[in-house]
Protein backbone atom coordinates (compact mmCIF):
# COMPACT_ATOMS: atom_id res chain seq x y z
CA MET A 1 140.12 296.58 54.81
CA ILE A 2 138.78 299.29 57.22
CA ARG A 3 135.23 300.08 58.02
CA THR A 4 134.76 303.72 58.84
CA HIS A 5 132.05 306.15 59.84
CA LYS A 6 133.34 308.73 57.23
CA TRP A 7 132.15 306.43 54.37
CA SER A 8 128.68 305.46 55.73
CA ASN A 9 130.12 302.68 57.76
CA LYS A 10 131.15 300.95 54.46
CA TRP A 11 134.46 299.13 54.05
CA GLY A 12 137.37 300.83 52.29
CA ILE A 13 141.06 301.48 52.43
CA PRO A 14 142.83 304.03 54.70
CA GLY A 15 143.93 307.28 53.19
CA GLY A 16 143.66 310.97 53.49
CA LYS A 17 144.73 314.46 52.26
CA ILE A 18 148.23 315.43 51.18
CA LYS A 19 149.73 318.20 53.34
CA PHE A 20 151.16 321.29 51.65
CA GLY A 21 154.73 320.47 50.51
CA GLU A 22 154.37 316.73 51.03
CA SER A 23 154.81 314.23 48.26
CA SER A 24 152.05 311.79 47.40
CA LEU A 25 154.20 308.79 48.64
CA ALA A 26 155.07 310.54 51.95
CA ALA A 27 151.35 311.24 52.52
CA LEU A 28 150.44 307.61 51.79
CA ARG A 29 153.03 306.38 54.29
CA ARG A 30 151.85 308.93 56.88
CA GLU A 31 148.12 308.31 56.48
CA ILE A 32 148.59 304.54 56.66
CA LEU A 33 150.71 304.89 59.74
CA GLU A 34 148.21 307.36 61.41
CA GLU A 35 145.14 305.30 60.61
CA THR A 36 146.59 301.75 61.14
CA ALA A 37 149.99 301.97 62.92
CA LEU A 38 151.46 300.09 59.90
CA LYS A 39 154.62 300.81 57.96
CA ILE A 40 154.36 299.94 54.37
CA THR A 41 156.60 298.78 51.58
CA GLY A 42 156.34 297.66 47.94
CA ILE A 43 154.21 300.73 47.04
CA ARG A 44 152.76 300.53 43.42
CA PHE A 45 150.60 303.16 41.70
CA VAL A 46 147.31 301.76 40.37
CA LEU A 47 145.02 304.60 39.27
CA ILE A 48 143.62 308.10 39.82
CA GLN A 49 139.87 308.52 40.57
CA ASP A 50 137.73 311.61 40.71
CA CYS A 51 135.20 311.35 43.60
CA ILE A 52 132.67 314.17 43.32
CA HIS A 53 129.79 314.65 45.61
CA SER A 54 129.79 311.09 46.91
CA LYS A 55 126.58 310.34 48.79
CA GLU A 56 128.61 307.74 50.84
CA PHE A 57 131.11 310.23 52.23
CA TYR A 58 130.13 312.10 55.45
CA LYS A 59 130.36 315.56 53.93
CA ASP A 60 130.13 317.04 50.37
CA ALA A 61 133.55 316.99 48.78
CA HIS A 62 135.57 316.55 45.58
CA PHE A 63 138.51 314.25 45.94
CA VAL A 64 141.23 313.30 43.47
CA LEU A 65 142.18 309.84 44.80
CA LEU A 66 145.60 308.58 44.04
CA ASN A 67 145.27 304.84 44.49
CA TYR A 68 148.16 302.53 45.36
CA THR A 69 148.73 298.96 46.49
CA ALA A 70 151.39 298.24 49.25
CA ARG A 71 152.42 295.57 51.71
CA ALA A 72 152.95 295.77 55.50
CA ALA A 73 156.65 296.13 56.12
CA THR A 74 156.78 293.62 58.85
CA ARG A 75 155.87 289.89 58.77
CA ASN A 76 153.27 289.80 61.45
CA PRO A 77 151.84 293.34 61.49
CA ARG A 78 149.70 294.60 64.25
CA VAL A 79 146.99 296.95 63.26
CA VAL A 80 145.99 299.76 65.75
CA LEU A 81 143.17 301.76 64.38
CA ASN A 82 142.84 305.46 65.07
CA GLU A 83 139.40 307.16 65.77
CA GLU A 84 138.39 306.96 62.11
CA GLY A 85 138.39 303.13 61.91
CA ARG A 86 135.62 300.95 63.43
CA GLU A 87 137.15 297.62 62.56
CA PHE A 88 139.58 296.05 60.16
CA LYS A 89 140.00 292.71 58.21
CA TRP A 90 142.91 291.17 56.40
CA LEU A 91 141.38 289.60 53.31
CA PRO A 92 142.42 288.42 49.81
CA LEU A 93 140.96 290.78 47.20
CA PRO A 94 138.20 288.51 45.90
CA ALA A 95 136.89 288.19 49.48
CA ALA A 96 137.31 291.91 50.12
CA ARG A 97 135.23 292.60 47.00
CA LYS A 98 132.25 290.89 48.64
CA LEU A 99 132.14 293.31 51.52
CA PRO A 100 129.80 296.39 51.45
CA LEU A 101 132.48 298.64 49.97
CA ASN A 102 132.50 302.38 49.25
CA ARG A 103 132.48 302.98 45.48
CA PRO A 104 136.08 304.21 45.18
CA THR A 105 137.34 301.09 46.88
CA GLN A 106 135.16 298.86 44.49
CA VAL A 107 136.90 300.56 41.61
CA LEU A 108 140.40 300.15 43.06
CA ILE A 109 139.84 296.52 43.83
CA ASP A 110 138.38 295.78 40.39
CA ALA A 111 141.38 297.60 38.80
CA VAL A 112 143.90 295.55 40.83
CA LEU A 113 142.09 292.27 40.08
CA LYS A 114 142.22 293.11 36.34
CA LEU A 115 145.91 293.92 36.55
CA GLN A 116 146.61 290.61 38.28
CA LYS A 117 144.58 288.69 35.60
CA ASP A 118 146.36 290.56 32.72
CA ARG A 119 149.71 289.61 34.17
CA LYS A 120 148.96 285.87 34.06
């Protein structure tokens, strides 16, 4: 989890815009690397969200959020935040859900927890 000024200092996940000609998975890998210095593996698509005129985001925007889960590619990953991140925490999802989260991250975590419950 990352706390960022771009989302009213709430907690969320790293991410960003897809560059012209870039695949969504390549953008995901690039954004995670840029914002955390982490390489990821085990990428799984979860859901798509519309985020329109969010009061939490630092500027008025309309995002189409492609939400994935992934794992760090190395066993003992070292997070190095870029200028967007204020702090980070490694947490299990139920504990992460208790943080002051931005709304899109709340929706994502709830969806992942439901998927995990449905698989049991």
